[in-house]
Protein backbone atom coordinates (compact mmCIF):
# COMPACT_ATOMS: atom_id res chain seq x y z
CA LYS A 1 14.04 15.80 -6.09
CA LYS A 2 15.64 19.04 -7.15
CA THR A 3 15.14 22.17 -5.05
CA THR A 4 16.73 25.58 -5.19
CA ASP A 5 18.91 26.93 -2.41
CA SER A 6 16.80 29.42 -0.49
CA SER A 7 19.92 31.45 0.28
CA SER A 8 20.25 32.25 -3.42
CA SER A 9 16.73 33.67 -3.64
CA SER A 10 16.47 37.45 -3.82
CA PRO A 11 14.37 39.20 -1.15
CA ARG A 12 12.73 41.29 -3.86
CA LYS A 13 9.04 40.60 -4.43
CA LYS A 14 9.33 40.52 -8.22
CA SER A 15 11.95 39.64 -10.76
CA THR A 16 12.74 42.03 -13.59
CA GLY A 17 11.22 39.50 -15.97
CA HIS A 18 7.81 39.43 -14.23
CA HIS A 19 6.43 42.89 -14.93
CA HIS A 20 5.59 42.23 -18.55
CA GLY A 21 4.25 38.79 -17.78
CA SER A 22 1.70 39.97 -15.24
CA LEU A 23 0.15 42.23 -17.85
CA CYS A 24 -0.86 39.14 -19.82
CA LEU A 25 -2.73 37.65 -16.89
CA ASN A 26 -6.31 38.46 -15.90
CA ASP A 27 -7.08 40.36 -12.71
CA GLU A 28 -7.70 37.21 -10.70
CA TYR A 29 -4.35 35.73 -11.71
CA ARG A 30 -2.52 39.03 -11.17
CA ASN A 31 -3.92 39.32 -7.65
CA LEU A 32 -3.14 35.69 -6.90
CA ARG A 33 0.34 36.09 -8.37
CA GLU A 34 1.05 39.15 -6.23
CA HIS A 35 -0.17 37.29 -3.13
CA LEU A 36 1.90 34.18 -3.85
CA PHE A 37 5.04 36.08 -4.79
CA ARG A 38 4.81 38.11 -1.59
CA ALA A 39 4.62 34.84 0.35
CA MET A 40 7.31 33.24 -1.83
CA PRO A 41 9.55 36.00 -3.28
CA GLN A 42 10.95 35.08 -6.69
CA ASN A 43 13.90 36.19 -8.79
CA PRO A 44 14.29 33.47 -11.44
CA HIS A 45 17.29 33.64 -13.75
CA TYR A 46 15.62 32.00 -16.77
CA LYS A 47 19.04 30.93 -18.08
CA PRO A 48 17.65 28.01 -20.15
CA LEU A 49 15.66 30.61 -22.15
CA ASP A 50 18.73 32.51 -23.37
CA LYS A 51 18.62 30.64 -26.67
CA TYR A 52 15.22 32.14 -27.52
CA CYS A 53 14.40 35.59 -28.85
CA VAL A 54 12.95 38.19 -26.48
CA SER A 55 9.33 37.78 -27.57
CA VAL A 56 9.47 33.99 -27.16
CA ARG A 57 11.23 34.32 -23.80
CA ASP A 58 8.56 36.72 -22.56
CA GLY A 59 5.80 34.32 -23.55
CA ILE A 60 7.50 31.40 -21.83
CA LYS A 61 8.05 33.50 -18.69
CA VAL A 62 4.33 34.23 -18.51
CA GLY A 63 3.63 30.53 -18.91
CA LEU A 64 6.07 29.65 -16.14
CA ASP A 65 4.39 32.11 -13.79
CA VAL A 66 1.08 30.41 -14.58
CA VAL A 67 2.63 26.99 -13.88
CA PHE A 68 3.91 28.25 -10.51
CA ILE A 69 0.52 29.75 -9.63
CA ASN A 70 -1.39 26.66 -10.77
CA LEU A 71 0.82 24.35 -8.71
CA ALA A 72 0.34 26.45 -5.59
CA GLN A 73 -3.42 26.49 -6.18
CA LYS A 74 -3.61 22.75 -6.87
CA PHE A 75 -1.72 21.90 -3.69
CA ALA A 76 -3.98 24.24 -1.70
CA ASN A 77 -7.19 22.83 -3.18
CA LEU A 78 -6.48 19.08 -3.10
CA LYS A 79 -9.35 17.20 -1.46
CA SER A 80 -8.04 13.64 -1.51
CA SER A 81 -4.80 11.71 -1.72
CA VAL A 82 -5.95 10.08 -4.96
CA GLU A 83 -5.86 13.46 -6.70
CA LEU A 84 -2.22 13.93 -5.71
CA LEU A 85 -0.94 10.41 -6.28
CA SER A 86 -2.47 10.21 -9.74
CA ASP A 87 -0.34 13.16 -10.90
CA VAL A 88 2.85 12.78 -8.84
CA GLN A 89 5.22 12.54 -11.81
CA GLU A 90 3.62 15.55 -13.50
CA TYR A 91 4.03 17.64 -10.33
CA ILE A 92 7.66 16.59 -9.99
CA ALA A 93 8.34 17.48 -13.62
CA GLN A 94 6.74 20.92 -13.28
CA LEU A 95 8.54 21.71 -10.02
CA SER A 96 11.84 20.57 -11.51
CA GLU A 97 11.29 22.78 -14.56
CA LEU A 98 10.62 25.77 -12.31
CA ASP A 99 13.77 24.93 -10.32
CA ASP A 100 15.76 24.88 -13.55
CA MET A 101 14.45 28.35 -14.41
CA GLY A 102 15.61 29.72 -11.07
CA TYR A 103 12.30 29.86 -9.24
CA ASP A 104 12.52 29.31 -5.50
CA CYS A 105 10.22 26.30 -5.13
CA THR A 106 11.29 25.43 -1.59
CA LYS A 107 7.83 25.95 -0.09
CA LEU A 108 6.12 24.22 -3.00
CA TRP A 109 8.43 21.22 -2.64
CA GLN A 110 7.81 21.17 1.13
CA ARG A 111 4.04 21.27 0.63
CA PHE A 112 4.24 18.62 -2.09
CA ASP A 113 6.45 16.32 0.00
CA ALA A 114 4.17 16.68 3.04
CA LEU A 115 1.05 15.98 0.99
CA ARG A 116 2.67 13.04 -0.77
CA SER A 117 3.79 11.56 2.57
CA PHE A 118 0.28 11.84 4.00
CA SER A 119 -1.17 10.46 0.76
CA GLU A 120 1.12 7.43 0.84
CA GLN A 121 0.26 6.83 4.51
CA GLU A 122 -3.44 7.11 3.71
CA GLN A 123 -3.06 4.76 0.76
CA ALA A 124 -1.25 2.22 2.96
CA ALA A 125 -3.97 2.52 5.61
CA ARG A 126 -6.67 2.14 2.95
CA LEU A 127 -5.01 -0.98 1.53
CA LYS A 128 -4.76 -2.45 5.03
CA LEU A 129 -8.41 -1.60 5.65
CA GLU A 130 -9.39 -3.28 2.38
CA GLU A 131 -7.35 -6.35 3.37
CA ILE A 132 -8.98 -6.55 6.81
CA THR A 133 -12.43 -5.93 5.31
CA SER A 134 -11.86 -8.74 2.81
CA LYS A 135 -10.83 -11.12 5.60
CA ARG A 136 -13.85 -10.11 7.66
CA ARG A 137 -16.18 -10.75 4.73
CA ASP A 138 -14.59 -14.16 4.14
CA LYS A 139 -15.14 -15.00 7.80
CA GLU A 140 -18.75 -13.86 7.55
CA VAL A 141 -19.34 -16.11 4.54
CA LYS A 142 -17.81 -19.07 6.39
CA ALA A 143 -19.81 -18.25 9.51
CA THR A 144 -23.01 -18.13 7.46
CA LEU A 145 -22.20 -21.53 5.95
CA THR A 146 -21.49 -22.91 9.42
CA HIS A 147 -24.77 -21.55 10.78
CA THR A 148 -26.61 -23.01 7.81
CA ARG A 149 -24.97 -26.38 8.42
CA ILE A 150 -25.86 -26.21 12.11
CA SER A 151 -29.49 -25.47 11.21
CA GLU A 152 -29.50 -28.42 8.82
CA LEU A 153 -28.01 -30.70 11.48
CA GLU A 154 -30.49 -29.47 14.08
CA ALA A 155 -33.34 -30.17 11.66
CA GLU A 156 -31.91 -33.62 10.95
CA LEU A 157 -31.52 -34.27 14.68
CA LYS A 158 -35.16 -33.30 15.28
CA ARG A 159 -36.25 -35.58 12.45
CA LEU A 160 -34.25 -38.45 13.95
CA LYS A 161 -35.67 -37.80 17.42
CA ASP A 162 -39.20 -37.77 16.02
CA ALA A 163 -38.48 -40.99 14.14
CA SER A 164 -37.02 -42.56 17.28
CA LYS A 165 -40.08 -41.57 19.30
CA THR A 166 -42.37 -43.07 16.67
CA GLN A 167 -40.31 -46.27 16.64
CA GLU A 168 -40.51 -46.52 20.45
CA GLU A 169 -44.27 -46.06 20.33
CA GLU A 170 -44.57 -48.72 17.64
CA ILE A 171 -42.38 -51.07 19.71
CA GLU A 172 -44.59 -50.56 22.79
CA ALA A 173 -47.70 -51.18 20.69
CA LEU A 174 -46.19 -54.38 19.33
CA LYS A 175 -45.25 -55.50 22.86
CA ALA A 176 -48.85 -54.98 23.98
CA THR A 177 -50.13 -56.96 21.01
CA GLU A 178 -47.49 -59.58 21.71
CA ARG A 179 -48.73 -59.94 25.31
CA ASN A 180 -52.31 -60.22 24.15
CA TYR A 181 -51.46 -63.01 21.73
CA ALA A 182 -49.38 -64.75 24.42
CA ARG A 183 -52.37 -64.70 26.78
CA GLU A 184 -54.63 -65.89 23.98
CA GLU A 185 -52.22 -68.69 23.21
CA GLU A 186 -52.03 -69.69 26.87
CA LYS A 187 -55.82 -69.66 27.14
CA ILE A 188 -56.24 -71.84 24.05
CA LEU A 189 -53.53 -74.20 25.31
CA GLN A 190 -55.37 -74.59 28.61
CA GLU A 191 -58.62 -75.24 26.79
CA PHE A 192 -56.79 -77.79 24.65
CA ARG A 193 -55.50 -79.57 27.72
CA SER A 194 -58.91 -79.45 29.37
CA ALA A 195 -60.48 -80.95 26.31
CA ALA A 196 -57.82 -83.64 26.17
CA THR A 197 -58.25 -84.66 29.80
CA ALA A 198 -62.00 -84.40 29.99
CA PRO A 199 -63.71 -87.60 31.28
CA TRP A 200 -65.24 -89.84 28.71
């Protein structure tokens, strides 16, 4: 990350190259620009623009002011970490370009770094939450299968108990019938013997 040395920044509120640029901005931008540049005084050198003619330089300077203002506004209006992390490289490129032009981006870099740190922490926490949630859902699926299996086994156990009870009842009924036939057999056998031993 490239930042400018705050000790090299002029205490003046405006650079000599800003007066013309502000005239090209609407009232809202001019007011916002004045507010931001009071909070973050600027005196950019614009050395990389020396190769351009004055009219081109002036247009680029206006554009750079807009970039500075837009970055400050974006950082102030971010609502979620996703918004920041999706454009990290673009923000770094814009801040670096402003640094190269002599803008004092110290506060912008500090805000960006703080937001990125929180965003990365939030992303890590979200990933951990998703991991835990996934594990919990897997456990719930397995628990549901286990409960279903238990219900099936309980139903099977009840069926077996009912079958066992029926079998016991049938066994007792057969025992009773068996005793009846045994008595009948004994009775017939006695009658047989009586008939065999009856006097002539």
